[in-house]
Amino acid sequence: MVARPIVMFLEGEGTDARGRTVFEILAMNDVALEQTHDFIQWLFPLPEPSAAVPGSPVLAPGDIQAIRVSELAPIALAGATDRMIAFYQTTHDWLMPNDHNHRRITRIIRSLRLLQGDEAADAFRDAILERIEATRAPVSARSRGYWATA
């Protein structure tokens, strides 16, 4: 069976729709991560289409299993998780009642839950909540509710 593009991307063997590898995306600086809106769907795919970025990868049931059993994809997911935690630890613009990053955070939690399990998803969510608490940021109850159920 031929691996689908999302699996190949997460294994470091393919590129996203713009020709970037997972390594190139993970090397982006914080400004680029904030201003670029079509990478999160590749780092943290879901089984439904993205409303924000049409044409983004959509996980098929076989993709989920292939990513879970891959030797390389979980490493890329861990790297992506670490990079996004670092991004949210060092940036401040998202620490407001509503921000596009809140949707990204929901996506990351949901994707991690599907592809790596509850522990990884909950750890990411907890890191986000700790940052909010430490800064006393006025993040909306609505966003927090999405994260609690993601």
N, C-alpha and C. Protein backbone atom coordinates (compact mmCIF):
# COMPACT_ATOMS: atom_id res chain seq x y z
N MET A 1 0.84 -1.18 0.00
CA MET A 1 0.00 0.00 0.00
C MET A 1 0.89 1.25 0.00
N VAL A 2 0.53 2.22 -0.80
CA VAL A 2 1.27 3.46 -0.91
C VAL A 2 0.83 4.39 0.22
N ALA A 3 1.79 4.98 0.92
CA ALA A 3 1.48 5.89 2.02
C ALA A 3 0.85 7.16 1.47
N ARG A 4 -0.12 7.66 2.20
CA ARG A 4 -0.79 8.90 1.81
C ARG A 4 0.09 10.09 2.16
N PRO A 5 -0.14 11.24 1.50
CA PRO A 5 0.73 12.41 1.71
C PRO A 5 0.89 12.84 3.17
N ILE A 6 -0.15 12.79 3.97
CA ILE A 6 -0.02 13.23 5.35
C ILE A 6 0.90 12.31 6.15
N VAL A 7 0.81 11.02 5.88
CA VAL A 7 1.69 10.07 6.57
C VAL A 7 3.13 10.29 6.12
N MET A 8 3.34 10.44 4.84
CA MET A 8 4.69 10.69 4.32
C MET A 8 5.26 11.99 4.90
N PHE A 9 4.43 13.02 4.99
CA PHE A 9 4.87 14.30 5.56
C PHE A 9 5.34 14.11 7.00
N LEU A 10 4.52 13.46 7.81
CA LEU A 10 4.87 13.28 9.22
C LEU A 10 6.05 12.31 9.42
N GLU A 11 6.32 11.50 8.43
CA GLU A 11 7.49 10.62 8.50
C GLU A 11 8.74 11.30 7.94
N GLY A 12 8.62 12.55 7.52
CA GLY A 12 9.76 13.28 7.00
C GLY A 12 10.11 12.95 5.57
N GLU A 13 9.23 12.24 4.89
CA GLU A 13 9.49 11.80 3.52
C GLU A 13 8.71 12.57 2.47
N GLY A 14 7.83 13.45 2.91
CA GLY A 14 7.01 14.19 1.96
C GLY A 14 6.95 15.65 2.33
N THR A 15 6.19 16.39 1.53
CA THR A 15 6.04 17.82 1.76
C THR A 15 4.56 18.18 1.86
N ASP A 16 4.31 19.36 2.41
CA ASP A 16 2.94 19.87 2.47
C ASP A 16 2.56 20.45 1.11
N ALA A 17 1.40 21.07 1.02
CA ALA A 17 0.91 21.59 -0.25
C ALA A 17 1.78 22.71 -0.81
N ARG A 18 2.60 23.34 0.04
CA ARG A 18 3.49 24.41 -0.41
C ARG A 18 4.93 23.94 -0.59
N GLY A 19 5.14 22.63 -0.49
CA GLY A 19 6.47 22.08 -0.72
C GLY A 19 7.40 22.12 0.47
N ARG A 20 6.88 22.40 1.67
CA ARG A 20 7.69 22.44 2.89
C ARG A 20 7.73 21.07 3.54
N THR A 21 8.87 20.73 4.10
CA THR A 21 8.98 19.50 4.88
C THR A 21 8.57 19.79 6.32
N VAL A 22 8.34 18.75 7.08
CA VAL A 22 8.03 18.91 8.50
C VAL A 22 9.18 19.62 9.21
N PHE A 23 10.40 19.33 8.79
CA PHE A 23 11.58 19.94 9.42
C PHE A 23 11.64 21.44 9.14
N GLU A 24 11.28 21.85 7.93
CA GLU A 24 11.27 23.27 7.59
C GLU A 24 10.21 24.02 8.40
N ILE A 25 9.07 23.40 8.58
CA ILE A 25 8.03 24.06 9.38
C ILE A 25 8.46 24.16 10.83
N LEU A 26 9.02 23.11 11.38
CA LEU A 26 9.45 23.14 12.78
C LEU A 26 10.57 24.15 13.00
N ALA A 27 11.31 24.50 11.97
CA ALA A 27 12.39 25.47 12.08
C ALA A 27 11.91 26.92 11.93
N MET A 28 10.63 27.11 11.62
CA MET A 28 10.11 28.48 11.46
C MET A 28 10.23 29.24 12.78
N ASN A 29 10.51 30.54 12.69
CA ASN A 29 10.57 31.34 13.91
C ASN A 29 9.14 31.71 14.35
N ASP A 30 9.04 32.31 15.51
CA ASP A 30 7.71 32.61 16.07
C ASP A 30 6.90 33.55 15.19
N VAL A 31 7.55 34.52 14.58
CA VAL A 31 6.83 35.45 13.71
C VAL A 31 6.23 34.69 12.53
N ALA A 32 7.01 33.82 11.92
CA ALA A 32 6.51 33.03 10.79
C ALA A 32 5.37 32.12 11.23
N LEU A 33 5.49 31.50 12.39
CA LEU A 33 4.40 30.64 12.87
C LEU A 33 3.13 31.43 13.08
N GLU A 34 3.26 32.64 13.60
CA GLU A 34 2.08 33.48 13.84
C GLU A 34 1.44 33.93 12.54
N GLN A 35 2.25 34.28 11.56
CA GLN A 35 1.73 34.86 10.33
C GLN A 35 1.36 33.84 9.26
N THR A 36 1.80 32.61 9.41
CA THR A 36 1.52 31.57 8.42
C THR A 36 0.34 30.74 8.92
N HIS A 37 -0.64 30.56 8.05
CA HIS A 37 -1.88 29.94 8.52
C HIS A 37 -2.19 28.58 7.88
N ASP A 38 -1.25 28.03 7.14
CA ASP A 38 -1.55 26.78 6.45
C ASP A 38 -0.65 25.61 6.86
N PHE A 39 0.02 25.73 7.99
CA PHE A 39 0.92 24.65 8.40
C PHE A 39 0.32 23.77 9.49
N ILE A 40 -0.53 24.34 10.33
CA ILE A 40 -1.02 23.61 11.51
C ILE A 40 -1.82 22.38 11.12
N GLN A 41 -2.50 22.46 9.97
CA GLN A 41 -3.30 21.33 9.49
C GLN A 41 -2.42 20.16 9.07
N TRP A 42 -1.17 20.43 8.72
CA TRP A 42 -0.22 19.38 8.36
C TRP A 42 0.47 18.80 9.59
N LEU A 43 0.82 19.66 10.52
CA LEU A 43 1.46 19.16 11.74
C LEU A 43 0.49 18.39 12.61
N PHE A 44 -0.77 18.85 12.64
CA PHE A 44 -1.78 18.26 13.52
C PHE A 44 -3.06 18.01 12.72
N PRO A 45 -3.05 16.97 11.89
CA PRO A 45 -4.21 16.70 11.03
C PRO A 45 -5.40 16.15 11.83
N LEU A 46 -6.58 16.33 11.23
CA LEU A 46 -7.84 15.84 11.81
C LEU A 46 -8.62 15.07 10.75
N PRO A 47 -9.63 14.31 11.17
CA PRO A 47 -10.41 13.54 10.20
C PRO A 47 -11.51 14.34 9.49
N GLU A 48 -11.55 15.66 9.68
CA GLU A 48 -12.51 16.47 8.94
C GLU A 48 -11.78 17.62 8.25
N PRO A 49 -12.34 18.12 7.17
CA PRO A 49 -11.68 19.21 6.43
C PRO A 49 -11.55 20.47 7.27
N SER A 50 -10.52 21.23 7.00
CA SER A 50 -10.31 22.51 7.66
C SER A 50 -11.18 23.56 6.98
N ALA A 51 -11.95 24.29 7.77
CA ALA A 51 -12.74 25.40 7.22
C ALA A 51 -11.83 26.57 6.89
N ALA A 52 -10.72 26.71 7.62
CA ALA A 52 -9.82 27.85 7.44
C ALA A 52 -8.91 27.69 6.22
N VAL A 53 -8.48 26.45 5.94
CA VAL A 53 -7.53 26.21 4.85
C VAL A 53 -8.05 25.06 3.98
N PRO A 54 -8.89 25.38 2.98
CA PRO A 54 -9.40 24.33 2.09
C PRO A 54 -8.25 23.58 1.42
N GLY A 55 -8.44 22.30 1.24
CA GLY A 55 -7.42 21.48 0.60
C GLY A 55 -6.38 20.92 1.56
N SER A 56 -6.51 21.23 2.83
CA SER A 56 -5.60 20.67 3.83
C SER A 56 -5.86 19.17 3.95
N PRO A 57 -4.88 18.44 4.47
CA PRO A 57 -5.07 17.00 4.59
C PRO A 57 -6.20 16.65 5.55
N VAL A 58 -6.89 15.58 5.22
CA VAL A 58 -7.96 15.04 6.06
C VAL A 58 -7.57 13.60 6.38
N LEU A 59 -7.51 13.28 7.66
CA LEU A 59 -7.12 11.93 8.07
C LEU A 59 -8.19 10.92 7.70
N ALA A 60 -7.76 9.86 7.07
CA ALA A 60 -8.61 8.69 6.85
C ALA A 60 -8.31 7.70 7.97
N PRO A 61 -9.24 6.78 8.26
CA PRO A 61 -8.97 5.81 9.34
C PRO A 61 -7.63 5.09 9.17
N GLY A 62 -7.26 4.76 7.97
CA GLY A 62 -5.98 4.11 7.74
C GLY A 62 -4.79 5.00 8.07
N ASP A 63 -4.95 6.31 7.88
CA ASP A 63 -3.88 7.25 8.21
C ASP A 63 -3.61 7.26 9.70
N ILE A 64 -4.68 7.27 10.47
CA ILE A 64 -4.54 7.30 11.93
C ILE A 64 -3.73 6.10 12.40
N GLN A 65 -4.09 4.93 11.91
CA GLN A 65 -3.37 3.73 12.31
C GLN A 65 -1.93 3.76 11.81
N ALA A 66 -1.72 4.20 10.58
CA ALA A 66 -0.36 4.25 10.02
C ALA A 66 0.52 5.20 10.83
N ILE A 67 -0.02 6.33 11.25
CA ILE A 67 0.75 7.29 12.04
C ILE A 67 1.06 6.71 13.42
N ARG A 68 0.08 6.05 14.00
CA ARG A 68 0.28 5.48 15.34
C ARG A 68 1.38 4.42 15.37
N VAL A 69 1.46 3.61 14.32
CA VAL A 69 2.44 2.50 14.32
C VAL A 69 3.75 2.87 13.65
N SER A 70 3.81 4.04 13.05
CA SER A 70 5.03 4.50 12.39
C SER A 70 6.16 4.66 13.40
N GLU A 71 7.38 4.43 12.95
CA GLU A 71 8.54 4.70 13.79
C GLU A 71 8.88 6.18 13.80
N LEU A 72 8.60 6.88 12.70
CA LEU A 72 9.04 8.27 12.55
C LEU A 72 7.96 9.31 12.84
N ALA A 73 6.71 9.04 12.47
CA ALA A 73 5.66 10.04 12.64
C ALA A 73 5.49 10.48 14.10
N PRO A 74 5.51 9.57 15.07
CA PRO A 74 5.40 10.03 16.46
C PRO A 74 6.54 10.96 16.89
N ILE A 75 7.71 10.79 16.31
CA ILE A 75 8.83 11.68 16.61
C ILE A 75 8.53 13.08 16.07
N ALA A 76 7.99 13.14 14.85
CA ALA A 76 7.62 14.43 14.27
C ALA A 76 6.51 15.09 15.08
N LEU A 77 5.55 14.30 15.52
CA LEU A 77 4.46 14.85 16.34
C LEU A 77 4.98 15.39 17.66
N ALA A 78 5.91 14.67 18.26
CA ALA A 78 6.51 15.15 19.51
C ALA A 78 7.28 16.45 19.27
N GLY A 79 8.01 16.51 18.17
CA GLY A 79 8.74 17.73 17.83
C GLY A 79 7.79 18.89 17.57
N ALA A 80 6.70 18.62 16.87
CA ALA A 80 5.71 19.66 16.59
C ALA A 80 5.05 20.13 17.89
N THR A 81 4.77 19.20 18.77
CA THR A 81 4.17 19.56 20.06
C THR A 81 5.12 20.43 20.87
N ASP A 82 6.38 20.04 20.94
CA ASP A 82 7.37 20.84 21.66
C ASP A 82 7.51 22.23 21.05
N ARG A 83 7.52 22.29 19.72
CA ARG A 83 7.67 23.59 19.05
C ARG A 83 6.49 24.50 19.35
N MET A 84 5.27 23.94 19.33
CA MET A 84 4.10 24.77 19.57
C MET A 84 3.99 25.17 21.04
N ILE A 85 4.42 24.31 21.95
CA ILE A 85 4.46 24.71 23.36
C ILE A 85 5.44 25.87 23.52
N ALA A 86 6.61 25.78 22.90
CA ALA A 86 7.59 26.86 22.96
C ALA A 86 7.00 28.15 22.38
N PHE A 87 6.30 28.03 21.27
CA PHE A 87 5.66 29.19 20.66
C PHE A 87 4.69 29.85 21.63
N TYR A 88 3.84 29.05 22.25
CA TYR A 88 2.84 29.62 23.16
C TYR A 88 3.45 30.10 24.47
N GLN A 89 4.62 29.59 24.82
CA GLN A 89 5.31 30.05 26.02
C GLN A 89 6.00 31.40 25.79
N THR A 90 6.42 31.66 24.57
CA THR A 90 7.22 32.86 24.31
C THR A 90 6.47 33.97 23.60
N THR A 91 5.26 33.72 23.14
CA THR A 91 4.48 34.77 22.49
C THR A 91 3.34 35.19 23.40
N HIS A 92 2.81 36.36 23.13
CA HIS A 92 1.80 36.92 24.02
C HIS A 92 0.50 37.31 23.32
N ASP A 93 0.54 37.48 22.01
CA ASP A 93 -0.64 38.00 21.30
C ASP A 93 -1.88 37.13 21.45
N TRP A 94 -1.70 35.85 21.70
CA TRP A 94 -2.84 34.93 21.81
C TRP A 94 -3.48 34.97 23.20
N LEU A 95 -2.86 35.66 24.13
CA LEU A 95 -3.34 35.72 25.51
C LEU A 95 -4.40 36.81 25.66
N MET A 96 -5.50 36.62 24.97
CA MET A 96 -6.61 37.56 24.98
C MET A 96 -7.91 36.76 24.93
N PRO A 97 -9.06 37.41 25.07
CA PRO A 97 -10.31 36.64 25.10
C PRO A 97 -10.52 35.75 23.88
N ASN A 98 -10.23 36.27 22.69
CA ASN A 98 -10.41 35.50 21.46
C ASN A 98 -9.24 35.77 20.52
N ASP A 99 -8.76 34.71 19.89
CA ASP A 99 -7.64 34.82 18.96
C ASP A 99 -7.64 33.58 18.08
N HIS A 100 -7.14 33.72 16.85
CA HIS A 100 -7.10 32.56 15.95
C HIS A 100 -6.28 31.42 16.53
N ASN A 101 -5.32 31.72 17.39
CA ASN A 101 -4.53 30.67 18.00
C ASN A 101 -5.36 29.76 18.90
N HIS A 102 -6.47 30.23 19.40
CA HIS A 102 -7.33 29.39 20.23
C HIS A 102 -7.87 28.22 19.41
N ARG A 103 -8.18 28.48 18.15
CA ARG A 103 -8.62 27.38 17.26
C ARG A 103 -7.47 26.42 16.98
N ARG A 104 -6.28 26.97 16.81
CA ARG A 104 -5.11 26.12 16.61
C ARG A 104 -4.90 25.20 17.82
N ILE A 105 -5.04 25.76 19.00
CA ILE A 105 -4.85 24.99 20.23
C ILE A 105 -5.87 23.86 20.29
N THR A 106 -7.12 24.16 19.95
CA THR A 106 -8.15 23.11 19.93
C THR A 106 -7.76 22.00 18.96
N ARG A 107 -7.31 22.38 17.77
CA ARG A 107 -6.90 21.41 16.76
C ARG A 107 -5.75 20.55 17.29
N ILE A 108 -4.77 21.17 17.90
CA ILE A 108 -3.61 20.43 18.39
C ILE A 108 -4.05 19.40 19.43
N ILE A 109 -4.88 19.81 20.36
CA ILE A 109 -5.35 18.88 21.40
C ILE A 109 -6.10 17.72 20.77
N ARG A 110 -7.02 18.01 19.87
CA ARG A 110 -7.81 16.94 19.22
C ARG A 110 -6.93 15.99 18.42
N SER A 111 -5.99 16.56 17.67
CA SER A 111 -5.10 15.73 16.85
C SER A 111 -4.23 14.84 17.73
N LEU A 112 -3.67 15.42 18.77
CA LEU A 112 -2.84 14.62 19.68
C LEU A 112 -3.65 13.50 20.32
N ARG A 113 -4.88 13.78 20.68
CA ARG A 113 -5.72 12.76 21.29
C ARG A 113 -5.93 11.58 20.33
N LEU A 114 -6.14 11.90 19.06
CA LEU A 114 -6.34 10.85 18.04
C LEU A 114 -5.06 10.08 17.74
N LEU A 115 -3.96 10.81 17.61
CA LEU A 115 -2.73 10.22 17.08
C LEU A 115 -1.73 9.76 18.14
N GLN A 116 -1.81 10.33 19.34
CA GLN A 116 -0.85 9.95 20.37
C GLN A 116 -1.49 9.57 21.69
N GLY A 117 -2.76 9.86 21.85
CA GLY A 117 -3.45 9.44 23.06
C GLY A 117 -3.74 10.57 24.03
N ASP A 118 -4.49 10.22 25.07
CA ASP A 118 -4.95 11.20 26.04
C ASP A 118 -3.81 11.87 26.79
N GLU A 119 -2.78 11.14 27.13
CA GLU A 119 -1.69 11.71 27.92
C GLU A 119 -1.02 12.87 27.19
N ALA A 120 -0.73 12.68 25.91
CA ALA A 120 -0.08 13.74 25.12
C ALA A 120 -1.02 14.93 24.97
N ALA A 121 -2.29 14.66 24.69
CA ALA A 121 -3.26 15.75 24.51
C ALA A 121 -3.44 16.53 25.79
N ASP A 122 -3.59 15.83 26.90
CA ASP A 122 -3.80 16.49 28.19
C ASP A 122 -2.56 17.27 28.62
N ALA A 123 -1.38 16.76 28.33
CA ALA A 123 -0.14 17.46 28.69
C ALA A 123 -0.03 18.78 27.92
N PHE A 124 -0.38 18.75 26.64
CA PHE A 124 -0.35 19.98 25.86
C PHE A 124 -1.37 20.98 26.40
N ARG A 125 -2.59 20.51 26.62
CA ARG A 125 -3.64 21.38 27.16
C ARG A 125 -3.21 21.98 28.50
N ASP A 126 -2.65 21.16 29.37
CA ASP A 126 -2.21 21.63 30.68
C ASP A 126 -1.12 22.69 30.56
N ALA A 127 -0.20 22.54 29.61
CA ALA A 127 0.85 23.55 29.40
C ALA A 127 0.23 24.88 28.98
N ILE A 128 -0.78 24.82 28.14
CA ILE A 128 -1.47 26.03 27.71
C ILE A 128 -2.18 26.69 28.89
N LEU A 129 -2.89 25.89 29.67
CA LEU A 129 -3.62 26.44 30.81
C LEU A 129 -2.68 27.01 31.87
N GLU A 130 -1.54 26.37 32.06
CA GLU A 130 -0.55 26.90 33.01
C GLU A 130 -0.04 28.26 32.57
N ARG A 131 0.17 28.42 31.28
CA ARG A 131 0.63 29.72 30.75
C ARG A 131 -0.44 30.79 30.98
N ILE A 132 -1.68 30.43 30.74
CA ILE A 132 -2.78 31.37 30.94
C ILE A 132 -2.87 31.77 32.41
N GLU A 133 -2.78 30.79 33.28
CA GLU A 133 -2.86 31.08 34.72
C GLU A 133 -1.67 31.93 35.17
N ALA A 134 -0.48 31.61 34.69
CA ALA A 134 0.72 32.35 35.10
C ALA A 134 0.67 33.82 34.68
N THR A 135 0.01 34.09 33.55
CA THR A 135 -0.06 35.46 33.04
C THR A 135 -1.38 36.14 33.39
N ARG A 136 -2.29 35.37 33.98
CA ARG A 136 -3.63 35.88 34.28
C ARG A 136 -4.32 36.42 33.04
N ALA A 137 -4.10 35.76 31.93
CA ALA A 137 -4.66 36.19 30.65
C ALA A 137 -6.18 36.01 30.64
N PRO A 138 -6.88 36.93 30.01
CA PRO A 138 -8.35 36.87 29.97
C PRO A 138 -8.90 35.98 28.84
N VAL A 139 -8.35 34.79 28.68
CA VAL A 139 -8.83 33.87 27.64
C VAL A 139 -10.27 33.49 27.95
N SER A 140 -11.11 33.49 26.94
CA SER A 140 -12.55 33.28 27.13
C SER A 140 -12.88 31.89 27.66
N ALA A 141 -13.97 31.84 28.40
CA ALA A 141 -14.48 30.55 28.88
C ALA A 141 -14.86 29.66 27.70
N ARG A 142 -15.29 30.26 26.61
CA ARG A 142 -15.64 29.49 25.41
C ARG A 142 -14.42 28.72 24.88
N SER A 143 -13.29 29.42 24.74
CA SER A 143 -12.07 28.75 24.27
C SER A 143 -11.65 27.65 25.24
N ARG A 144 -11.66 27.96 26.52
CA ARG A 144 -11.30 26.96 27.53
C ARG A 144 -12.23 25.75 27.47
N GLY A 145 -13.49 26.00 27.19
CA GLY A 145 -14.46 24.92 27.07
C GLY A 145 -14.14 24.01 25.88
N TYR A 146 -13.77 24.62 24.76
CA TYR A 146 -13.36 23.81 23.60
C TYR A 146 -12.17 22.94 23.93
N TRP A 147 -11.21 23.52 24.67
CA TRP A 147 -10.00 22.76 25.00
C TRP A 147 -10.32 21.62 25.97
N ALA A 148 -11.28 21.86 26.85
CA ALA A 148 -11.65 20.82 27.85
C ALA A 148 -12.30 19.63 27.17
N THR A 149 -12.99 19.86 26.06
CA THR A 149 -13.73 18.77 25.40
C THR A 149 -13.03 18.25 24.14
N ALA A 150 -11.89 18.85 23.80
CA ALA A 150 -11.19 18.44 22.57
C ALA A 150 -10.58 17.06 22.73
